[in-house]
Amino acid sequence: MNRCPSTIREHYWSTSDAVFLLANLTDDGLQACVENPDAFAEACDTIDVPGAQLLARYATLGQYDFIVMVEADSAQTMSRLSVVLGANGHVHVESMQAITTHLMSDIEEALIRTDAGEPAEPAEPAGAAS
């Protein structure tokens, strides 16, 4: 079983994670976009969920109609935003949490070692002579 300890997950949610919302238009949403091509953009502009911010949105070709990049302070906030976006934008939403590619930085590695019962050793600074 390869899971991050819960303290790591909580740490990441507390630092405003980026989340990608992958959205497909419903039948009503498709009709709204035929009548007003800016319908989805306008729906995004009206969304206000405390603790969440829409950073960027893209119309896409392929499996999804839109991708929205969001920053949220908790999983609960993200869930609320997803529901509000689905209702206002007339879309079905799938979310994908994204974390930095530097997951194993010294801080995270120390947290993982501590949670695993290993002593946390201070990391040697980059470029330090041995």
N, C-alpha and C. Protein backbone atom coordinates (compact mmCIF):
# COMPACT_ATOMS: atom_id res chain seq x y z
N MET A 1 0.84 -1.17 0.00
CA MET A 1 0.00 0.00 0.00
C MET A 1 0.89 1.24 0.00
N ASN A 2 0.77 2.08 -1.00
CA ASN A 2 1.64 3.23 -1.14
C ASN A 2 0.84 4.51 -0.94
N ARG A 3 0.67 4.90 0.31
CA ARG A 3 -0.10 6.10 0.61
C ARG A 3 0.75 7.08 1.40
N CYS A 4 0.49 8.34 1.20
CA CYS A 4 1.14 9.35 2.02
C CYS A 4 0.48 9.36 3.39
N PRO A 5 1.25 9.57 4.45
CA PRO A 5 0.64 9.67 5.77
C PRO A 5 -0.38 10.81 5.79
N SER A 6 -1.39 10.69 6.64
CA SER A 6 -2.45 11.70 6.67
C SER A 6 -1.91 13.08 6.99
N THR A 7 -0.86 13.18 7.79
CA THR A 7 -0.32 14.50 8.10
C THR A 7 0.24 15.16 6.84
N ILE A 8 0.77 14.38 5.94
CA ILE A 8 1.27 14.93 4.68
C ILE A 8 0.11 15.47 3.86
N ARG A 9 -0.97 14.67 3.74
CA ARG A 9 -2.14 15.13 2.98
C ARG A 9 -2.70 16.40 3.59
N GLU A 10 -2.82 16.46 4.92
CA GLU A 10 -3.35 17.65 5.57
C GLU A 10 -2.42 18.83 5.33
N HIS A 11 -1.12 18.59 5.36
CA HIS A 11 -0.15 19.65 5.10
C HIS A 11 -0.38 20.23 3.71
N TYR A 12 -0.57 19.37 2.73
CA TYR A 12 -0.75 19.88 1.38
C TYR A 12 -2.06 20.65 1.21
N TRP A 13 -3.13 20.17 1.81
CA TRP A 13 -4.38 20.93 1.68
C TRP A 13 -4.28 22.27 2.38
N SER A 14 -3.49 22.35 3.44
CA SER A 14 -3.40 23.61 4.16
C SER A 14 -2.55 24.64 3.43
N THR A 15 -1.90 24.26 2.36
CA THR A 15 -1.05 25.19 1.64
C THR A 15 -1.66 25.61 0.31
N SER A 16 -2.95 25.57 0.19
CA SER A 16 -3.65 26.00 -1.02
C SER A 16 -3.19 25.22 -2.25
N ASP A 17 -3.66 24.01 -2.36
CA ASP A 17 -3.31 23.17 -3.49
C ASP A 17 -3.97 23.67 -4.77
N ALA A 18 -3.31 23.35 -5.88
CA ALA A 18 -3.93 23.57 -7.17
C ALA A 18 -4.75 22.33 -7.51
N VAL A 19 -5.91 22.57 -8.04
CA VAL A 19 -6.79 21.49 -8.46
C VAL A 19 -7.25 21.81 -9.86
N PHE A 20 -7.29 20.80 -10.70
CA PHE A 20 -7.81 20.97 -12.05
C PHE A 20 -9.21 20.38 -12.07
N LEU A 21 -10.17 21.19 -12.50
CA LEU A 21 -11.53 20.71 -12.68
C LEU A 21 -11.71 20.42 -14.16
N LEU A 22 -12.03 19.19 -14.46
CA LEU A 22 -12.22 18.73 -15.82
C LEU A 22 -13.72 18.70 -16.06
N ALA A 23 -14.20 19.51 -17.00
CA ALA A 23 -15.63 19.72 -17.13
C ALA A 23 -16.15 19.36 -18.52
N ASN A 24 -17.30 18.73 -18.54
CA ASN A 24 -18.03 18.45 -19.77
C ASN A 24 -19.41 19.08 -19.69
N LEU A 25 -19.82 19.70 -20.76
CA LEU A 25 -21.14 20.35 -20.80
C LEU A 25 -22.26 19.34 -20.68
N THR A 26 -23.28 19.72 -19.93
CA THR A 26 -24.52 18.93 -19.92
C THR A 26 -25.30 19.32 -21.17
N ASP A 27 -26.42 18.68 -21.41
CA ASP A 27 -27.26 19.07 -22.56
C ASP A 27 -27.70 20.52 -22.43
N ASP A 28 -28.09 20.95 -21.21
CA ASP A 28 -28.48 22.34 -20.98
C ASP A 28 -27.29 23.28 -21.21
N GLY A 29 -26.10 22.86 -20.78
CA GLY A 29 -24.91 23.67 -20.98
C GLY A 29 -24.56 23.83 -22.44
N LEU A 30 -24.72 22.76 -23.20
CA LEU A 30 -24.46 22.82 -24.63
C LEU A 30 -25.41 23.81 -25.30
N GLN A 31 -26.68 23.75 -24.94
CA GLN A 31 -27.67 24.68 -25.50
C GLN A 31 -27.35 26.12 -25.10
N ALA A 32 -26.93 26.32 -23.83
CA ALA A 32 -26.58 27.66 -23.36
C ALA A 32 -25.39 28.21 -24.15
N CYS A 33 -24.41 27.36 -24.46
CA CYS A 33 -23.24 27.80 -25.21
C CYS A 33 -23.56 28.06 -26.68
N VAL A 34 -24.54 27.37 -27.22
CA VAL A 34 -24.98 27.64 -28.60
C VAL A 34 -25.62 29.03 -28.64
N GLU A 35 -26.42 29.33 -27.63
CA GLU A 35 -27.09 30.63 -27.57
C GLU A 35 -26.13 31.76 -27.17
N ASN A 36 -25.15 31.45 -26.32
CA ASN A 36 -24.18 32.44 -25.85
C ASN A 36 -22.83 31.74 -25.68
N PRO A 37 -21.92 31.90 -26.65
CA PRO A 37 -20.63 31.22 -26.57
C PRO A 37 -19.82 31.53 -25.31
N ASP A 38 -20.12 32.63 -24.64
CA ASP A 38 -19.40 33.00 -23.41
C ASP A 38 -20.11 32.52 -22.14
N ALA A 39 -21.10 31.64 -22.29
CA ALA A 39 -21.90 31.22 -21.13
C ALA A 39 -21.04 30.59 -20.02
N PHE A 40 -20.12 29.72 -20.39
CA PHE A 40 -19.30 29.07 -19.36
C PHE A 40 -18.37 30.08 -18.69
N ALA A 41 -17.75 30.95 -19.47
CA ALA A 41 -16.86 31.98 -18.92
C ALA A 41 -17.63 32.89 -17.97
N GLU A 42 -18.84 33.27 -18.36
CA GLU A 42 -19.67 34.12 -17.50
C GLU A 42 -20.06 33.39 -16.21
N ALA A 43 -20.35 32.12 -16.30
CA ALA A 43 -20.67 31.34 -15.11
C ALA A 43 -19.46 31.29 -14.17
N CYS A 44 -18.27 31.11 -14.73
CA CYS A 44 -17.05 31.09 -13.91
C CYS A 44 -16.83 32.43 -13.21
N ASP A 45 -17.13 33.52 -13.92
CA ASP A 45 -16.93 34.85 -13.36
C ASP A 45 -17.85 35.14 -12.18
N THR A 46 -18.99 34.47 -12.11
CA THR A 46 -19.95 34.74 -11.04
C THR A 46 -19.73 33.87 -9.81
N ILE A 47 -18.86 32.89 -9.89
CA ILE A 47 -18.66 31.96 -8.78
C ILE A 47 -17.81 32.60 -7.70
N ASP A 48 -18.32 32.54 -6.47
CA ASP A 48 -17.59 33.07 -5.32
C ASP A 48 -17.74 32.09 -4.16
N VAL A 49 -16.71 31.27 -3.97
CA VAL A 49 -16.68 30.31 -2.87
C VAL A 49 -15.51 30.71 -1.97
N PRO A 50 -15.80 31.11 -0.72
CA PRO A 50 -14.71 31.50 0.18
C PRO A 50 -13.67 30.39 0.32
N GLY A 51 -12.40 30.77 0.22
CA GLY A 51 -11.31 29.79 0.34
C GLY A 51 -10.89 29.18 -0.98
N ALA A 52 -11.54 29.59 -2.07
CA ALA A 52 -11.19 29.04 -3.39
C ALA A 52 -11.06 30.18 -4.39
N GLN A 53 -10.17 29.98 -5.34
CA GLN A 53 -9.96 30.98 -6.37
C GLN A 53 -9.77 30.28 -7.70
N LEU A 54 -10.51 30.71 -8.72
CA LEU A 54 -10.32 30.20 -10.06
C LEU A 54 -9.13 30.93 -10.66
N LEU A 55 -8.09 30.18 -11.01
CA LEU A 55 -6.85 30.78 -11.50
C LEU A 55 -6.82 30.92 -13.02
N ALA A 56 -7.37 29.96 -13.72
CA ALA A 56 -7.38 29.97 -15.19
C ALA A 56 -8.44 29.01 -15.69
N ARG A 57 -8.92 29.26 -16.88
CA ARG A 57 -9.88 28.34 -17.49
C ARG A 57 -9.57 28.25 -18.99
N TYR A 58 -9.77 27.06 -19.50
CA TYR A 58 -9.46 26.80 -20.90
C TYR A 58 -10.57 25.98 -21.53
N ALA A 59 -10.94 26.32 -22.76
CA ALA A 59 -11.78 25.46 -23.59
C ALA A 59 -10.81 24.49 -24.25
N THR A 60 -11.17 23.22 -24.30
CA THR A 60 -10.24 22.22 -24.80
C THR A 60 -10.88 21.35 -25.88
N LEU A 61 -10.04 20.71 -26.65
CA LEU A 61 -10.46 19.71 -27.61
C LEU A 61 -10.17 18.35 -26.99
N GLY A 62 -10.97 17.37 -27.27
CA GLY A 62 -10.70 16.05 -26.73
C GLY A 62 -11.75 15.62 -25.73
N GLN A 63 -11.32 14.91 -24.71
CA GLN A 63 -12.23 14.27 -23.76
C GLN A 63 -13.04 15.27 -22.93
N TYR A 64 -12.49 16.43 -22.63
CA TYR A 64 -13.17 17.42 -21.80
C TYR A 64 -13.43 18.68 -22.59
N ASP A 65 -14.54 19.36 -22.26
CA ASP A 65 -14.88 20.62 -22.92
C ASP A 65 -14.10 21.79 -22.33
N PHE A 66 -13.89 21.75 -21.00
CA PHE A 66 -13.20 22.83 -20.31
C PHE A 66 -12.29 22.25 -19.23
N ILE A 67 -11.21 22.97 -18.95
CA ILE A 67 -10.36 22.68 -17.80
C ILE A 67 -10.23 23.98 -17.02
N VAL A 68 -10.46 23.89 -15.72
CA VAL A 68 -10.37 25.07 -14.87
C VAL A 68 -9.32 24.77 -13.80
N MET A 69 -8.35 25.68 -13.66
CA MET A 69 -7.34 25.53 -12.62
C MET A 69 -7.80 26.35 -11.42
N VAL A 70 -7.84 25.68 -10.27
CA VAL A 70 -8.38 26.28 -9.06
C VAL A 70 -7.39 26.11 -7.92
N GLU A 71 -7.40 27.04 -6.99
CA GLU A 71 -6.64 26.91 -5.76
C GLU A 71 -7.66 26.88 -4.63
N ALA A 72 -7.54 25.92 -3.72
CA ALA A 72 -8.50 25.80 -2.62
C ALA A 72 -7.77 25.52 -1.33
N ASP A 73 -8.36 25.98 -0.21
CA ASP A 73 -7.68 25.80 1.07
C ASP A 73 -8.06 24.50 1.78
N SER A 74 -9.04 23.76 1.25
CA SER A 74 -9.41 22.49 1.88
C SER A 74 -10.18 21.63 0.88
N ALA A 75 -10.28 20.37 1.23
CA ALA A 75 -11.07 19.45 0.39
C ALA A 75 -12.54 19.83 0.42
N GLN A 76 -13.03 20.30 1.57
CA GLN A 76 -14.43 20.71 1.68
C GLN A 76 -14.72 21.90 0.78
N THR A 77 -13.80 22.86 0.74
CA THR A 77 -13.97 24.02 -0.13
C THR A 77 -13.98 23.58 -1.59
N MET A 78 -13.09 22.65 -1.92
CA MET A 78 -13.02 22.15 -3.28
C MET A 78 -14.32 21.46 -3.68
N SER A 79 -14.87 20.67 -2.78
CA SER A 79 -16.14 19.99 -3.06
C SER A 79 -17.25 21.00 -3.30
N ARG A 80 -17.28 22.01 -2.47
CA ARG A 80 -18.33 23.04 -2.63
C ARG A 80 -18.18 23.76 -3.96
N LEU A 81 -16.95 24.14 -4.29
CA LEU A 81 -16.71 24.81 -5.56
C LEU A 81 -17.12 23.94 -6.74
N SER A 82 -16.80 22.67 -6.66
CA SER A 82 -17.14 21.75 -7.74
C SER A 82 -18.65 21.70 -7.96
N VAL A 83 -19.40 21.65 -6.88
CA VAL A 83 -20.87 21.61 -6.99
C VAL A 83 -21.40 22.92 -7.56
N VAL A 84 -20.88 24.05 -7.07
CA VAL A 84 -21.34 25.37 -7.55
C VAL A 84 -21.01 25.53 -9.04
N LEU A 85 -19.79 25.15 -9.43
CA LEU A 85 -19.42 25.26 -10.84
C LEU A 85 -20.30 24.36 -11.70
N GLY A 86 -20.55 23.15 -11.25
CA GLY A 86 -21.41 22.25 -12.00
C GLY A 86 -22.81 22.81 -12.20
N ALA A 87 -23.37 23.40 -11.14
CA ALA A 87 -24.73 23.95 -11.22
C ALA A 87 -24.77 25.22 -12.07
N ASN A 88 -23.85 26.14 -11.83
CA ASN A 88 -23.87 27.42 -12.56
C ASN A 88 -23.39 27.30 -13.99
N GLY A 89 -22.42 26.41 -14.22
CA GLY A 89 -21.85 26.28 -15.56
C GLY A 89 -22.50 25.22 -16.41
N HIS A 90 -23.47 24.51 -15.83
CA HIS A 90 -24.15 23.42 -16.54
C HIS A 90 -23.13 22.43 -17.10
N VAL A 91 -22.26 21.95 -16.18
CA VAL A 91 -21.24 20.99 -16.56
C VAL A 91 -21.18 19.86 -15.55
N HIS A 92 -20.69 18.72 -16.01
CA HIS A 92 -20.33 17.60 -15.12
C HIS A 92 -18.86 17.82 -14.81
N VAL A 93 -18.51 17.76 -13.53
CA VAL A 93 -17.15 18.10 -13.11
C VAL A 93 -16.44 16.88 -12.53
N GLU A 94 -15.21 16.71 -12.95
CA GLU A 94 -14.31 15.72 -12.37
C GLU A 94 -13.10 16.51 -11.86
N SER A 95 -12.64 16.23 -10.66
CA SER A 95 -11.53 17.01 -10.13
C SER A 95 -10.26 16.17 -10.07
N MET A 96 -9.14 16.87 -10.21
CA MET A 96 -7.83 16.23 -10.15
C MET A 96 -6.92 17.14 -9.33
N GLN A 97 -6.51 16.67 -8.15
CA GLN A 97 -5.63 17.46 -7.30
C GLN A 97 -4.22 17.41 -7.85
N ALA A 98 -3.54 18.54 -7.81
CA ALA A 98 -2.16 18.61 -8.29
C ALA A 98 -1.28 19.16 -7.19
N ILE A 99 -0.13 18.52 -7.02
CA ILE A 99 0.85 19.01 -6.05
C ILE A 99 2.14 19.29 -6.79
N THR A 100 3.01 20.02 -6.15
CA THR A 100 4.27 20.37 -6.77
C THR A 100 5.05 19.13 -7.17
N THR A 101 5.85 19.26 -8.20
CA THR A 101 6.68 18.13 -8.63
C THR A 101 7.84 17.91 -7.67
N HIS A 102 8.02 18.79 -6.74
CA HIS A 102 9.07 18.66 -5.74
C HIS A 102 8.51 18.03 -4.47
N LEU A 103 7.71 16.99 -4.64
CA LEU A 103 7.06 16.31 -3.52
C LEU A 103 8.06 15.86 -2.48
N MET A 104 9.19 15.40 -2.90
CA MET A 104 10.15 14.84 -1.95
C MET A 104 11.20 15.87 -1.54
N SER A 105 10.78 17.09 -1.33
CA SER A 105 11.73 18.08 -0.82
C SER A 105 12.12 17.68 0.60
N ASP A 106 13.10 18.33 1.14
CA ASP A 106 13.60 17.98 2.47
C ASP A 106 12.51 18.00 3.53
N ILE A 107 11.63 18.99 3.47
CA ILE A 107 10.58 19.11 4.49
C ILE A 107 9.63 17.92 4.42
N GLU A 108 9.15 17.58 3.22
CA GLU A 108 8.23 16.47 3.07
C GLU A 108 8.89 15.15 3.42
N GLU A 109 10.15 14.99 3.02
CA GLU A 109 10.85 13.75 3.33
C GLU A 109 10.99 13.59 4.84
N ALA A 110 11.30 14.67 5.55
CA ALA A 110 11.41 14.62 7.02
C ALA A 110 10.06 14.26 7.64
N LEU A 111 8.96 14.82 7.12
CA LEU A 111 7.63 14.48 7.64
C LEU A 111 7.31 13.00 7.43
N ILE A 112 7.64 12.48 6.26
CA ILE A 112 7.38 11.07 5.97
C ILE A 112 8.20 10.18 6.91
N ARG A 113 9.47 10.51 7.08
CA ARG A 113 10.33 9.72 7.97
C ARG A 113 9.80 9.75 9.40
N THR A 114 9.39 10.92 9.87
CA THR A 114 8.87 11.06 11.22
C THR A 114 7.61 10.22 11.40
N ASP A 115 6.69 10.27 10.42
CA ASP A 115 5.46 9.48 10.50
C ASP A 115 5.74 7.99 10.43
N ALA A 116 6.84 7.60 9.79
CA ALA A 116 7.19 6.18 9.68
C ALA A 116 7.98 5.70 10.90
N GLY A 117 8.23 6.60 11.85
CA GLY A 117 8.95 6.22 13.05
C GLY A 117 10.45 6.29 12.93
N GLU A 118 10.93 6.80 11.79
CA GLU A 118 12.38 6.93 11.60
C GLU A 118 12.82 8.28 12.15
N PRO A 119 14.03 8.37 12.66
CA PRO A 119 14.51 9.68 13.11
C PRO A 119 14.71 10.61 11.92
N ALA A 120 14.27 11.84 12.06
CA ALA A 120 14.43 12.81 10.98
C ALA A 120 15.84 13.36 11.03
N GLU A 121 16.60 13.13 9.96
CA GLU A 121 17.97 13.61 9.88
C GLU A 121 17.97 14.92 9.12
N PRO A 122 18.71 15.90 9.61
CA PRO A 122 18.77 17.16 8.87
C PRO A 122 19.38 16.93 7.50
N ALA A 123 18.80 17.53 6.50
CA ALA A 123 19.30 17.37 5.13
C ALA A 123 20.52 18.25 4.94
N GLU A 124 21.47 17.75 4.15
CA GLU A 124 22.66 18.52 3.84
C GLU A 124 22.29 19.51 2.75
N PRO A 125 22.68 20.78 2.90
CA PRO A 125 22.35 21.78 1.89
C PRO A 125 22.88 21.38 0.52
N ALA A 126 22.17 21.75 -0.52
CA ALA A 126 22.58 21.45 -1.88
C ALA A 126 23.94 22.08 -2.16
N GLY A 127 24.83 21.35 -2.74
CA GLY A 127 26.14 21.84 -3.11
C GLY A 127 27.14 21.82 -1.96
N ALA A 128 26.75 21.27 -0.81
CA ALA A 128 27.66 21.21 0.33
C ALA A 128 28.74 20.17 0.06
N ALA A 129 29.95 20.50 0.48
CA ALA A 129 31.07 19.57 0.29
C ALA A 129 30.99 18.45 1.29
N SER A 130 31.36 17.23 0.90
CA SER A 130 31.32 16.07 1.79
C SER A 130 32.63 15.89 2.49
